[in-house]
Amino acid sequence: MRVLFELIRIIFIFAIVGGLLGNFFGRVYLEIGIDTEKYGWMGFLAIFILFFVLYRNKLQFSGWYKGEGREKLPKIVSRILIFSSIILILLPPFINFHFN
């Protein structure tokens, strides 16, 4: 039952955080003239990566699930993933202005 509650919690948190961040990036991209149909997936992927790092390093320890496999990501992996998501967020404006 705890696993089910944890799954519902993850979906709920992602829906709120992912929805807010996705809406924010979509509006910013539209405001600076970026085609969100073409490059919006990069921002969405960046949100997934950031949420994954946030969950693995912080949120998994405050939930209902208390089973095995609960450990933080190594620092180097966390940094690589965060750096990759920042690049994915900044890439659409660069691609749009450079190649159009």
PDB file of N, CA and C in Angstrom:
ATOM      1  N   MET A   1       0.819  -1.191   0.000  1.00  0.00           N
ATOM      2  CA  MET A   1       0.000   0.000   0.000  1.00  0.00           C
ATOM      3  C   MET A   1       0.869   1.264   0.000  1.00  0.00           C
ATOM      4  N   ARG A   2       2.014   1.194   0.701  1.00  0.00           N
ATOM      5  CA  ARG A   2       2.906   2.355   0.751  1.00  0.00           C
ATOM      6  C   ARG A   2       3.469   2.679  -0.630  1.00  0.00           C
ATOM      7  N   VAL A   3       3.729   1.633  -1.417  1.00  0.00           N
ATOM      8  CA  VAL A   3       4.261   1.849  -2.759  1.00  0.00           C
ATOM      9  C   VAL A   3       3.233   2.580  -3.607  1.00  0.00           C
ATOM     10  N   LEU A   4       1.969   2.210  -3.486  1.00  0.00           N
ATOM     11  CA  LEU A   4       0.901   2.871  -4.233  1.00  0.00           C
ATOM     12  C   LEU A   4       0.790   4.335  -3.826  1.00  0.00           C
ATOM     13  N   PHE A   5       0.831   4.600  -2.530  1.00  0.00           N
ATOM     14  CA  PHE A   5       0.784   5.985  -2.055  1.00  0.00           C
ATOM     15  C   PHE A   5       1.969   6.801  -2.584  1.00  0.00           C
ATOM     16  N   GLU A   6       3.130   6.178  -2.600  1.00  0.00           N
ATOM     17  CA  GLU A   6       4.324   6.865  -3.098  1.00  0.00           C
ATOM     18  C   GLU A   6       4.195   7.157  -4.589  1.00  0.00           C
ATOM     19  N   LEU A   7       3.634   6.223  -5.338  1.00  0.00           N
ATOM     20  CA  LEU A   7       3.426   6.439  -6.768  1.00  0.00           C
ATOM     21  C   LEU A   7       2.447   7.583  -7.009  1.00  0.00           C
ATOM     22  N   ILE A   8       1.369   7.619  -6.253  1.00  0.00           N
ATOM     23  CA  ILE A   8       0.387   8.707  -6.375  1.00  0.00           C
ATOM     24  C   ILE A   8       1.042  10.027  -6.006  1.00  0.00           C
ATOM     25  N   ARG A   9       1.872  10.020  -4.972  1.00  0.00           N
ATOM     26  CA  ARG A   9       2.580  11.234  -4.554  1.00  0.00           C
ATOM     27  C   ARG A   9       3.510  11.731  -5.652  1.00  0.00           C
ATOM     28  N   ILE A  10       4.253  10.817  -6.286  1.00  0.00           N
ATOM     29  CA  ILE A  10       5.166  11.194  -7.362  1.00  0.00           C
ATOM     30  C   ILE A  10       4.388  11.807  -8.526  1.00  0.00           C
ATOM     31  N   ILE A  11       3.301  11.167  -8.910  1.00  0.00           N
ATOM     32  CA  ILE A  11       2.489  11.677 -10.025  1.00  0.00           C
ATOM     33  C   ILE A  11       1.919  13.042  -9.683  1.00  0.00           C
ATOM     34  N   PHE A  12       1.423  13.213  -8.464  1.00  0.00           N
ATOM     35  CA  PHE A  12       0.848  14.483  -8.047  1.00  0.00           C
ATOM     36  C   PHE A  12       1.900  15.598  -8.031  1.00  0.00           C
ATOM     37  N   ILE A  13       3.061  15.315  -7.447  1.00  0.00           N
ATOM     38  CA  ILE A  13       4.132  16.321  -7.401  1.00  0.00           C
ATOM     39  C   ILE A  13       4.599  16.667  -8.804  1.00  0.00           C
ATOM     40  N   PHE A  14       4.771  15.649  -9.646  1.00  0.00           N
ATOM     41  CA  PHE A  14       5.226  15.924 -11.005  1.00  0.00           C
ATOM     42  C   PHE A  14       4.196  16.719 -11.789  1.00  0.00           C
ATOM     43  N   ALA A  15       2.925  16.429 -11.580  1.00  0.00           N
ATOM     44  CA  ALA A  15       1.881  17.168 -12.293  1.00  0.00           C
ATOM     45  C   ALA A  15       1.915  18.647 -11.908  1.00  0.00           C
ATOM     46  N   ILE A  16       2.105  18.924 -10.634  1.00  0.00           N
ATOM     47  CA  ILE A  16       2.139  20.322 -10.193  1.00  0.00           C
ATOM     48  C   ILE A  16       3.439  20.994 -10.617  1.00  0.00           C
ATOM     49  N   VAL A  17       4.577  20.409 -10.238  1.00  0.00           N
ATOM     50  CA  VAL A  17       5.882  21.010 -10.557  1.00  0.00           C
ATOM     51  C   VAL A  17       6.113  21.028 -12.067  1.00  0.00           C
ATOM     52  N   GLY A  18       5.873  19.895 -12.714  1.00  0.00           N
ATOM     53  CA  GLY A  18       6.066  19.806 -14.160  1.00  0.00           C
ATOM     54  C   GLY A  18       5.135  20.734 -14.919  1.00  0.00           C
ATOM     55  N   GLY A  19       3.899  20.823 -14.476  1.00  0.00           N
ATOM     56  CA  GLY A  19       2.952  21.715 -15.130  1.00  0.00           C
ATOM     57  C   GLY A  19       3.343  23.179 -14.998  1.00  0.00           C
ATOM     58  N   LEU A  20       3.742  23.576 -13.799  1.00  0.00           N
ATOM     59  CA  LEU A  20       4.144  24.963 -13.586  1.00  0.00           C
ATOM     60  C   LEU A  20       5.409  25.311 -14.369  1.00  0.00           C
ATOM     61  N   LEU A  21       6.409  24.439 -14.294  1.00  0.00           N
ATOM     62  CA  LEU A  21       7.655  24.706 -15.025  1.00  0.00           C
ATOM     63  C   LEU A  21       7.445  24.653 -16.536  1.00  0.00           C
ATOM     64  N   GLY A  22       6.662  23.684 -16.996  1.00  0.00           N
ATOM     65  CA  GLY A  22       6.374  23.583 -18.426  1.00  0.00           C
ATOM     66  C   GLY A  22       5.646  24.811 -18.942  1.00  0.00           C
ATOM     67  N   ASN A  23       4.683  25.289 -18.174  1.00  0.00           N
ATOM     68  CA  ASN A  23       3.954  26.493 -18.543  1.00  0.00           C
ATOM     69  C   ASN A  23       4.882  27.705 -18.560  1.00  0.00           C
ATOM     70  N   PHE A  24       5.751  27.796 -17.562  1.00  0.00           N
ATOM     71  CA  PHE A  24       6.695  28.909 -17.495  1.00  0.00           C
ATOM     72  C   PHE A  24       7.633  28.925 -18.699  1.00  0.00           C
ATOM     73  N   PHE A  25       8.256  27.758 -18.989  1.00  0.00           N
ATOM     74  CA  PHE A  25       9.174  27.693 -20.129  1.00  0.00           C
ATOM     75  C   PHE A  25       8.443  27.930 -21.443  1.00  0.00           C
ATOM     76  N   GLY A  26       7.245  27.410 -21.567  1.00  0.00           N
ATOM     77  CA  GLY A  26       6.465  27.629 -22.786  1.00  0.00           C
ATOM     78  C   GLY A  26       6.183  29.106 -23.018  1.00  0.00           C
ATOM     79  N   ARG A  27       5.803  29.799 -21.961  1.00  0.00           N
ATOM     80  CA  ARG A  27       5.526  31.241 -22.093  1.00  0.00           C
ATOM     81  C   ARG A  27       6.792  32.038 -22.400  1.00  0.00           C
ATOM     82  N   VAL A  28       7.885  31.685 -21.738  1.00  0.00           N
ATOM     83  CA  VAL A  28       9.154  32.380 -21.993  1.00  0.00           C
ATOM     84  C   VAL A  28       9.596  32.140 -23.431  1.00  0.00           C
ATOM     85  N   TYR A  29       9.519  30.902 -23.883  1.00  0.00           N
ATOM     86  CA  TYR A  29       9.908  30.588 -25.259  1.00  0.00           C
ATOM     87  C   TYR A  29       9.029  31.338 -26.257  1.00  0.00           C
ATOM     88  N   LEU A  30       7.727  31.388 -26.020  1.00  0.00           N
ATOM     89  CA  LEU A  30       6.837  32.118 -26.926  1.00  0.00           C
ATOM     90  C   LEU A  30       7.134  33.614 -26.907  1.00  0.00           C
ATOM     91  N   GLU A  31       7.452  34.114 -25.724  1.00  0.00           N
ATOM     92  CA  GLU A  31       7.725  35.551 -25.576  1.00  0.00           C
ATOM     93  C   GLU A  31       8.958  35.983 -26.362  1.00  0.00           C
ATOM     94  N   ILE A  32       9.962  35.122 -26.447  1.00  0.00           N
ATOM     95  CA  ILE A  32      11.166  35.494 -27.194  1.00  0.00           C
ATOM     96  C   ILE A  32      11.140  34.982 -28.623  1.00  0.00           C
ATOM     97  N   GLY A  33       9.997  34.421 -29.034  1.00  0.00           N
ATOM     98  CA  GLY A  33       9.811  34.073 -30.432  1.00  0.00           C
ATOM     99  C   GLY A  33      10.310  32.697 -30.847  1.00  0.00           C
ATOM    100  N   ILE A  34      10.318  31.752 -29.931  1.00  0.00           N
ATOM    101  CA  ILE A  34      10.779  30.402 -30.242  1.00  0.00           C
ATOM    102  C   ILE A  34       9.568  29.534 -30.573  1.00  0.00           C
ATOM    103  N   ASP A  35       9.699  28.719 -31.607  1.00  0.00           N
ATOM    104  CA  ASP A  35       8.643  27.806 -32.006  1.00  0.00           C
ATOM    105  C   ASP A  35       8.569  26.662 -30.999  1.00  0.00           C
ATOM    106  N   THR A  36       7.545  26.689 -30.132  1.00  0.00           N
ATOM    107  CA  THR A  36       7.434  25.671 -29.090  1.00  0.00           C
ATOM    108  C   THR A  36       7.018  24.318 -29.650  1.00  0.00           C
ATOM    109  N   GLU A  37       6.381  24.301 -30.803  1.00  0.00           N
ATOM    110  CA  GLU A  37       6.025  23.026 -31.428  1.00  0.00           C
ATOM    111  C   GLU A  37       7.287  22.268 -31.853  1.00  0.00           C
ATOM    112  N   LYS A  38       8.292  23.011 -32.252  1.00  0.00           N
ATOM    113  CA  LYS A  38       9.511  22.412 -32.765  1.00  0.00           C
ATOM    114  C   LYS A  38      10.522  22.096 -31.657  1.00  0.00           C
ATOM    115  N   TYR A  39      10.659  22.998 -30.695  1.00  0.00           N
ATOM    116  CA  TYR A  39      11.716  22.873 -29.693  1.00  0.00           C
ATOM    117  C   TYR A  39      11.204  22.691 -28.259  1.00  0.00           C
ATOM    118  N   GLY A  40       9.907  22.602 -28.076  1.00  0.00           N
ATOM    119  CA  GLY A  40       9.347  22.483 -26.731  1.00  0.00           C
ATOM    120  C   GLY A  40       9.728  21.202 -26.012  1.00  0.00           C
ATOM    121  N   TRP A  41      10.027  20.162 -26.769  1.00  0.00           N
ATOM    122  CA  TRP A  41      10.385  18.882 -26.157  1.00  0.00           C
ATOM    123  C   TRP A  41      11.666  18.975 -25.343  1.00  0.00           C
ATOM    124  N   MET A  42      12.549  19.900 -25.717  1.00  0.00           N
ATOM    125  CA  MET A  42      13.808  20.030 -24.966  1.00  0.00           C
ATOM    126  C   MET A  42      13.547  20.544 -23.556  1.00  0.00           C
ATOM    127  N   GLY A  43      12.671  21.514 -23.434  1.00  0.00           N
ATOM    128  CA  GLY A  43      12.304  22.019 -22.112  1.00  0.00           C
ATOM    129  C   GLY A  43      11.597  20.958 -21.289  1.00  0.00           C
ATOM    130  N   PHE A  44      10.735  20.182 -21.938  1.00  0.00           N
ATOM    131  CA  PHE A  44      10.022  19.115 -21.253  1.00  0.00           C
ATOM    132  C   PHE A  44      11.002  18.055 -20.736  1.00  0.00           C
ATOM    133  N   LEU A  45      11.963  17.688 -21.552  1.00  0.00           N
ATOM    134  CA  LEU A  45      12.978  16.721 -21.136  1.00  0.00           C
ATOM    135  C   LEU A  45      13.823  17.271 -19.985  1.00  0.00           C
ATOM    136  N   ALA A  46      14.144  18.552 -20.037  1.00  0.00           N
ATOM    137  CA  ALA A  46      14.912  19.185 -18.963  1.00  0.00           C
ATOM    138  C   ALA A  46      14.136  19.136 -17.644  1.00  0.00           C
ATOM    139  N   ILE A  47      12.827  19.351 -17.707  1.00  0.00           N
ATOM    140  CA  ILE A  47      11.999  19.275 -16.506  1.00  0.00           C
ATOM    141  C   ILE A  47      12.005  17.854 -15.950  1.00  0.00           C
ATOM    142  N   PHE A  48      11.895  16.851 -16.833  1.00  0.00           N
ATOM    143  CA  PHE A  48      11.970  15.460 -16.387  1.00  0.00           C
ATOM    144  C   PHE A  48      13.284  15.182 -15.670  1.00  0.00           C
ATOM    145  N   ILE A  49      14.380  15.623 -16.238  1.00  0.00           N
ATOM    146  CA  ILE A  49      15.699  15.364 -15.646  1.00  0.00           C
ATOM    147  C   ILE A  49      15.824  16.063 -14.292  1.00  0.00           C
ATOM    148  N   LEU A  50      15.416  17.325 -14.212  1.00  0.00           N
ATOM    149  CA  LEU A  50      15.489  18.058 -12.949  1.00  0.00           C
ATOM    150  C   LEU A  50      14.612  17.406 -11.880  1.00  0.00           C
ATOM    151  N   PHE A  51      13.430  16.979 -12.280  1.00  0.00           N
ATOM    152  CA  PHE A  51      12.547  16.326 -11.325  1.00  0.00           C
ATOM    153  C   PHE A  51      13.138  15.002 -10.847  1.00  0.00           C
ATOM    154  N   PHE A  52      13.759  14.255 -11.738  1.00  0.00           N
ATOM    155  CA  PHE A  52      14.394  12.995 -11.364  1.00  0.00           C
ATOM    156  C   PHE A  52      15.482  13.233 -10.318  1.00  0.00           C
ATOM    157  N   VAL A  53      16.328  14.236 -10.544  1.00  0.00           N
ATOM    158  CA  VAL A  53      17.401  14.543  -9.595  1.00  0.00           C
ATOM    159  C   VAL A  53      16.814  15.000  -8.264  1.00  0.00           C
ATOM    160  N   LEU A  54      15.800  15.855  -8.312  1.00  0.00           N
ATOM    161  CA  LEU A  54      15.160  16.329  -7.090  1.00  0.00           C
ATOM    162  C   LEU A  54      14.552  15.168  -6.308  1.00  0.00           C
ATOM    163  N   TYR A  55      13.881  14.275  -7.013  1.00  0.00           N
ATOM    164  CA  TYR A  55      13.261  13.143  -6.320  1.00  0.00           C
ATOM    165  C   TYR A  55      14.309  12.222  -5.705  1.00  0.00           C
ATOM    166  N   ARG A  56      15.311  11.855  -6.494  1.00  0.00           N
ATOM    167  CA  ARG A  56      16.308  10.901  -5.995  1.00  0.00           C
ATOM    168  C   ARG A  56      17.149  11.471  -4.853  1.00  0.00           C
ATOM    169  N   ASN A  57      17.365  12.782  -4.840  1.00  0.00           N
ATOM    170  CA  ASN A  57      18.240  13.356  -3.814  1.00  0.00           C
ATOM    171  C   ASN A  57      17.496  13.905  -2.605  1.00  0.00           C
ATOM    172  N   LYS A  58      16.215  14.236  -2.745  1.00  0.00           N
ATOM    173  CA  LYS A  58      15.488  14.835  -1.620  1.00  0.00           C
ATOM    174  C   LYS A  58      14.151  14.165  -1.336  1.00  0.00           C
ATOM    175  N   LEU A  59      13.281  14.129  -2.331  1.00  0.00           N
ATOM    176  CA  LEU A  59      11.889  13.770  -2.085  1.00  0.00           C
ATOM    177  C   LEU A  59      11.660  12.311  -1.710  1.00  0.00           C
ATOM    178  N   GLN A  60      12.519  11.406  -2.138  1.00  0.00           N
ATOM    179  CA  GLN A  60      12.304   9.992  -1.827  1.00  0.00           C
ATOM    180  C   GLN A  60      12.454   9.695  -0.341  1.00  0.00           C
ATOM    181  N   PHE A  61      13.136  10.565   0.383  1.00  0.00           N
ATOM    182  CA  PHE A  61      13.363  10.338   1.804  1.00  0.00           C
ATOM    183  C   PHE A  61      12.247  10.888   2.679  1.00  0.00           C
ATOM    184  N   SER A  62      11.316  11.627   2.079  1.00  0.00           N
ATOM    185  CA  SER A  62      10.222  12.195   2.860  1.00  0.00           C
ATOM    186  C   SER A  62       8.882  11.551   2.525  1.00  0.00           C
ATOM    187  N   GLY A  63       8.881  10.468   1.775  1.00  0.00           N
ATOM    188  CA  GLY A  63       7.636   9.839   1.353  1.00  0.00           C
ATOM    189  C   GLY A  63       7.243   8.655   2.212  1.00  0.00           C
ATOM    190  N   TRP A  64       6.280   7.889   1.692  1.00  0.00           N
ATOM    191  CA  TRP A  64       5.761   6.736   2.415  1.00  0.00           C
ATOM    192  C   TRP A  64       6.624   5.495   2.243  1.00  0.00           C
ATOM    193  N   TYR A  65       7.305   5.387   1.135  1.00  0.00           N
ATOM    194  CA  TYR A  65       8.070   4.172   0.856  1.00  0.00           C
ATOM    195  C   TYR A  65       9.320   4.120   1.728  1.00  0.00           C
ATOM    196  N   LYS A  66       9.494   3.009   2.426  1.00  0.00           N
ATOM    197  CA  LYS A  66      10.643   2.851   3.322  1.00  0.00           C
ATOM    198  C   LYS A  66      11.478   1.624   2.965  1.00  0.00           C
ATOM    199  N   GLY A  67      11.346   1.093   1.761  1.00  0.00           N
ATOM    200  CA  GLY A  67      12.009  -0.143   1.364  1.00  0.00           C
ATOM    201  C   GLY A  67      13.455   0.061   0.950  1.00  0.00           C
ATOM    202  N   GLU A  68      13.963  -0.962   0.256  1.00  0.00           N
ATOM    203  CA  GLU A  68      15.360  -0.958  -0.171  1.00  0.00           C
ATOM    204  C   GLU A  68      15.568  -0.041  -1.373  1.00  0.00           C
ATOM    205  N   GLY A  69      16.829   0.275  -1.638  1.00  0.00           N
ATOM    206  CA  GLY A  69      17.185   1.039  -2.827  1.00  0.00           C
ATOM    207  C   GLY A  69      17.032   2.536  -2.682  1.00  0.00           C
ATOM    208  N   ARG A  70      16.854   3.007  -1.463  1.00  0.00           N
ATOM    209  CA  ARG A  70      16.708   4.448  -1.257  1.00  0.00           C
ATOM    210  C   ARG A  70      18.075   5.048  -0.964  1.00  0.00           C
ATOM    211  N   GLU A  71      18.707   5.565  -1.987  1.00  0.00           N
ATOM    212  CA  GLU A  71      19.995   6.234  -1.792  1.00  0.00           C
ATOM    213  C   GLU A  71      20.099   7.390  -2.774  1.00  0.00           C
ATOM    214  N   LYS A  72      20.874   8.380  -2.394  1.00  0.00           N
ATOM    215  CA  LYS A  72      21.064   9.546  -3.245  1.00  0.00           C
ATOM    216  C   LYS A  72      21.884   9.191  -4.479  1.00  0.00           C
ATOM    217  N   LEU A  73      21.713  10.012  -5.515  1.00  0.00           N
ATOM    218  CA  LEU A  73      22.570   9.885  -6.687  1.00  0.00           C
ATOM    219  C   LEU A  73      23.974  10.338  -6.312  1.00  0.00           C
ATOM    220  N   PRO A  74      24.994   9.765  -6.916  1.00  0.00           N
ATOM    221  CA  PRO A  74      26.346  10.294  -6.681  1.00  0.00           C
ATOM    222  C   PRO A  74      26.421  11.763  -7.128  1.00  0.00           C
ATOM    223  N   LYS A  75      27.260  12.534  -6.447  1.00  0.00           N
ATOM    224  CA  LYS A  75      27.339  13.971  -6.741  1.00  0.00           C
ATOM    225  C   LYS A  75      27.689  14.251  -8.191  1.00  0.00           C
ATOM    226  N   ILE A  76      28.588  13.481  -8.764  1.00  0.00           N
ATOM    227  CA  ILE A  76      28.991  13.724 -10.144  1.00  0.00           C
ATOM    228  C   ILE A  76      27.826  13.459 -11.103  1.00  0.00           C
ATOM    229  N   VAL A  77      27.033  12.436 -10.817  1.00  0.00           N
ATOM    230  CA  VAL A  77      25.870  12.134 -11.656  1.00  0.00           C
ATOM    231  C   VAL A  77      24.842  13.254 -11.529  1.00  0.00           C
ATOM    232  N   SER A  78      24.616  13.730 -10.306  1.00  0.00           N
ATOM    233  CA  SER A  78      23.681  14.832 -10.094  1.00  0.00           C
ATOM    234  C   SER A  78      24.130  16.069 -10.860  1.00  0.00           C
ATOM    235  N   ARG A  79      25.403  16.383 -10.789  1.00  0.00           N
ATOM    236  CA  ARG A  79      25.910  17.575 -11.478  1.00  0.00           C
ATOM    237  C   ARG A  79      25.797  17.442 -12.991  1.00  0.00           C
ATOM    238  N   ILE A  80      26.108  16.255 -13.512  1.00  0.00           N
ATOM    239  CA  ILE A  80      26.001  16.036 -14.959  1.00  0.00           C
ATOM    240  C   ILE A  80      24.558  16.173 -15.412  1.00  0.00           C
ATOM    241  N   LEU A  81      23.628  15.596 -14.664  1.00  0.00           N
ATOM    242  CA  LEU A  81      22.219  15.679 -15.043  1.00  0.00           C
ATOM    243  C   LEU A  81      21.690  17.101 -14.956  1.00  0.00           C
ATOM    244  N   ILE A  82      22.060  17.828 -13.910  1.00  0.00           N
ATOM    245  CA  ILE A  82      21.617  19.217 -13.779  1.00  0.00           C
ATOM    246  C   ILE A  82      22.219  20.068 -14.882  1.00  0.00           C
ATOM    247  N   PHE A  83      23.496  19.878 -15.172  1.00  0.00           N
ATOM    248  CA  PHE A  83      24.146  20.624 -16.257  1.00  0.00           C
ATOM    249  C   PHE A  83      23.481  20.302 -17.601  1.00  0.00           C
ATOM    250  N   SER A  84      23.150  19.035 -17.818  1.00  0.00           N
ATOM    251  CA  SER A  84      22.482  18.641 -19.067  1.00  0.00           C
ATOM    252  C   SER A  84      21.111  19.297 -19.190  1.00  0.00           C
ATOM    253  N   SER A  85      20.381  19.365 -18.106  1.00  0.00           N
ATOM    254  CA  SER A  85      19.058  19.982 -18.170  1.00  0.00           C
ATOM    255  C   SER A  85      19.157  21.488 -18.391  1.00  0.00           C
ATOM    256  N   ILE A  86      20.166  22.126 -17.817  1.00  0.00           N
ATOM    257  CA  ILE A  86      20.362  23.562 -18.073  1.00  0.00           C
ATOM    258  C   ILE A  86      20.686  23.791 -19.543  1.00  0.00           C
ATOM    259  N   ILE A  87      21.520  22.937 -20.100  1.00  0.00           N
ATOM    260  CA  ILE A  87      21.847  23.035 -21.540  1.00  0.00           C
ATOM    261  C   ILE A  87      20.577  22.845 -22.369  1.00  0.00           C
ATOM    262  N   LEU A  88      19.751  21.867 -22.004  1.00  0.00           N
ATOM    263  CA  LEU A  88      18.514  21.623 -22.748  1.00  0.00           C
ATOM    264  C   LEU A  88      17.555  22.808 -22.650  1.00  0.00           C
ATOM    265  N   ILE A  89      17.564  23.508 -21.533  1.00  0.00           N
ATOM    266  CA  ILE A  89      16.704  24.684 -21.379  1.00  0.00           C
ATOM    267  C   ILE A  89      17.216  25.834 -22.239  1.00  0.00           C
ATOM    268  N   LEU A  90      18.531  26.005 -22.297  1.00  0.00           N
ATOM    269  CA  LEU A  90      19.117  27.123 -23.042  1.00  0.00           C
ATOM    270  C   LEU A  90      19.296  26.838 -24.528  1.00  0.00           C
ATOM    271  N   LEU A  91      19.203  25.605 -24.938  1.00  0.00           N
ATOM    272  CA  LEU A  91      19.434  25.229 -26.324  1.00  0.00           C
ATOM    273  C   LEU A  91      18.368  25.733 -27.309  1.00  0.00           C
ATOM    274  N   PRO A  92      17.074  25.684 -27.007  1.00  0.00           N
ATOM    275  CA  PRO A  92      16.084  26.162 -27.982  1.00  0.00           C
ATOM    276  C   PRO A  92      16.270  27.615 -28.428  1.00  0.00           C
ATOM    277  N   PRO A  93      16.536  28.569 -27.519  1.00  0.00           N
ATOM    278  CA  PRO A  93      16.771  29.930 -28.026  1.00  0.00           C
ATOM    279  C   PRO A  93      17.998  30.003 -28.935  1.00  0.00           C
ATOM    280  N   PHE A  94      19.055  29.291 -28.570  1.00  0.00           N
ATOM    281  CA  PHE A  94      20.266  29.303 -29.391  1.00  0.00           C
ATOM    282  C   PHE A  94      20.003  28.715 -30.762  1.00  0.00           C
ATOM    283  N   ILE A  95      19.375  27.553 -30.816  1.00  0.00           N
ATOM    284  CA  ILE A  95      19.088  26.907 -32.095  1.00  0.00           C
ATOM    285  C   ILE A  95      18.153  27.759 -32.937  1.00  0.00           C
ATOM    286  N   ASN A  96      17.121  28.294 -32.307  1.00  0.00           N
ATOM    287  CA  ASN A  96      16.140  29.077 -33.059  1.00  0.00           C
ATOM    288  C   ASN A  96      16.773  30.331 -33.668  1.00  0.00           C
ATOM    289  N   PHE A  97      17.560  31.054 -32.907  1.00  0.00           N
ATOM    290  CA  PHE A  97      18.148  32.284 -33.418  1.00  0.00           C
ATOM    291  C   PHE A  97      19.347  32.040 -34.335  1.00  0.00           C
ATOM    292  N   HIS A  98      20.030  30.962 -34.104  1.00  0.00           N
ATOM    293  CA  HIS A  98      21.220  30.693 -34.905  1.00  0.00           C
ATOM    294  C   HIS A  98      20.885  30.103 -36.272  1.00  0.00           C
ATOM    295  N   PHE A  99      19.885  29.229 -36.320  1.00  0.00           N
ATOM    296  CA  PHE A  99      19.585  28.540 -37.573  1.00  0.00           C
ATOM    297  C   PHE A  99      18.378  29.099 -38.318  1.00  0.00           C
ATOM    298  N   ASN A 100      17.680  30.076 -37.762  1.00  0.00           N
ATOM    299  CA  ASN A 100      16.541  30.654 -38.475  1.00  0.00           C
ATOM    300  C   ASN A 100      16.832  32.050 -38.937  1.00  0.00           C
TER     301      ASN A 100
END
